């Protein structure tokens, strides 16, 4: 259900999600973004082989849980897929025995 209107009526054309059609950003300019160089994140468990993922170590696991209690995704944490699965499993186990919270109570 698109809100496309004719230009003769004076209303701008809208895309299917209600935004401006044609790639223009909110300021009216082009939507070209300049990206700076960002360092590639390295999995800290692959880099340091002595570091072990343990569900009984909440100090290590707190870096992979947000302040709201959610598990941090690997694109943000920098973990590889193998270690992200192990971290997620360790966080779930740690929550089960009440070392980490499921959610944060209060507002």
Protein backbone atom coordinates (compact mmCIF):
# COMPACT_ATOMS: atom_id res chain seq x y z
CA UNK A 1 0.00 0.00 0.00
CA UNK A 2 2.11 2.82 -1.32
CA UNK A 3 1.33 6.50 -0.80
CA UNK A 4 2.44 7.57 -4.26
CA UNK A 5 0.86 10.79 -5.50
CA UNK A 6 1.16 12.71 -8.68
CA UNK A 7 3.58 15.64 -8.82
CA UNK A 8 0.86 17.81 -10.34
CA UNK A 9 -0.90 17.80 -6.94
CA UNK A 10 2.20 19.23 -5.25
CA UNK A 11 2.73 16.38 -2.77
CA UNK A 12 6.08 14.57 -2.79
CA UNK A 13 6.23 10.97 -3.95
CA UNK A 14 6.61 8.50 -1.13
CA UNK A 15 8.17 5.06 -1.18
CA UNK A 16 6.48 1.92 0.15
CA UNK A 17 7.66 2.66 3.71
CA UNK A 18 6.61 6.28 3.73
CA UNK A 19 10.06 7.78 3.11
CA UNK A 20 11.14 9.91 0.21
CA UNK A 21 11.55 7.94 -2.98
CA UNK A 22 14.74 8.09 -5.01
CA UNK A 23 17.41 7.70 -2.33
CA UNK A 24 17.35 11.23 -0.92
CA UNK A 25 18.12 11.54 2.76
CA UNK A 26 16.16 13.62 5.29
CA UNK A 27 18.14 16.82 4.64
CA UNK A 28 17.33 16.81 0.94
CA UNK A 29 20.83 15.97 -0.29
CA UNK A 30 22.06 12.81 -1.86
CA UNK A 31 22.30 9.66 0.24
CA UNK A 32 26.00 9.09 -0.38
CA UNK A 33 27.79 8.18 2.83
CA UNK A 34 31.49 8.55 3.36
CA UNK A 35 32.95 5.73 5.36
CA UNK A 36 36.19 6.04 7.20
CA UNK A 37 38.57 3.19 7.79
CA UNK A 38 37.44 0.99 10.66
CA UNK A 39 39.60 -1.65 12.25
CA UNK A 40 38.40 -5.18 11.78
CA UNK A 41 37.37 -6.73 15.08
CA UNK A 42 39.29 -9.82 16.06
CA UNK A 43 37.83 -12.63 18.11
CA UNK A 44 39.51 -12.35 21.51
CA UNK A 45 39.23 -16.10 22.07
CA UNK A 46 40.99 -16.90 18.79
CA UNK A 47 43.68 -14.28 19.50
CA UNK A 48 44.33 -15.49 23.05
CA UNK A 49 44.22 -19.29 23.16
CA UNK A 50 44.57 -19.35 26.95
CA UNK A 51 41.25 -17.53 27.42
CA UNK A 52 38.54 -20.08 28.16
CA UNK A 53 34.78 -19.54 27.93
CA UNK A 54 33.32 -20.72 31.23
CA UNK A 55 29.74 -20.24 32.39
CA UNK A 56 30.98 -19.96 36.01
CA UNK A 57 32.96 -16.80 35.18
CA UNK A 58 30.50 -13.87 35.17
CA UNK A 59 33.34 -11.31 34.99
CA UNK A 60 34.28 -12.60 31.53
CA UNK A 61 30.68 -12.98 30.37
CA UNK A 62 29.57 -9.49 31.41
CA UNK A 63 31.39 -8.06 28.37
CA UNK A 64 29.04 -10.04 26.13
CA UNK A 65 25.80 -8.95 27.85
CA UNK A 66 24.26 -5.48 27.54
CA UNK A 67 23.15 -3.42 30.52
CA UNK A 68 19.58 -4.55 29.71
CA UNK A 69 20.62 -8.21 29.89
CA UNK A 70 20.72 -9.05 26.18
CA UNK A 71 23.51 -11.06 24.58
CA UNK A 72 25.68 -8.81 22.40
CA UNK A 73 25.66 -9.85 18.71
CA UNK A 74 28.91 -10.98 17.11
CA UNK A 75 29.07 -8.08 14.67
CA UNK A 76 29.44 -5.82 17.71
CA UNK A 77 31.44 -8.07 20.02
CA UNK A 78 33.85 -9.18 17.28
CA UNK A 79 33.64 -12.88 18.12
CA UNK A 80 33.87 -15.51 15.44
CA UNK A 81 30.79 -17.70 14.89
CA UNK A 82 32.23 -20.65 16.79
CA UNK A 83 33.08 -18.66 19.89
CA UNK A 84 29.88 -16.59 19.73
CA UNK A 85 27.88 -19.84 19.99
CA UNK A 86 29.97 -20.87 23.00
CA UNK A 87 29.54 -17.45 24.64
CA UNK A 88 25.77 -17.55 24.09
CA UNK A 89 25.58 -21.04 25.60
CA UNK A 90 27.71 -19.96 28.58
CA UNK A 91 25.51 -16.88 29.15
CA UNK A 92 22.37 -19.02 29.08
CA UNK A 93 23.88 -21.50 31.52
CA UNK A 94 25.07 -18.69 33.77
CA UNK A 95 21.58 -17.20 33.79
CA UNK A 96 20.14 -20.59 34.72
CA UNK A 97 22.21 -20.75 37.93
CA UNK A 98 21.63 -17.03 38.65
CA UNK A 99 25.15 -15.74 38.05
CA UNK A 100 23.87 -13.38 35.34
CA UNK A 101 20.44 -11.71 35.22
CA UNK A 102 17.85 -12.50 32.56
CA UNK A 103 16.66 -8.88 32.60
CA UNK A 104 17.26 -5.76 34.62
CA UNK A 105 14.47 -4.98 37.05
CA UNK A 106 13.26 -1.43 37.55
CA UNK A 107 13.08 1.44 35.12
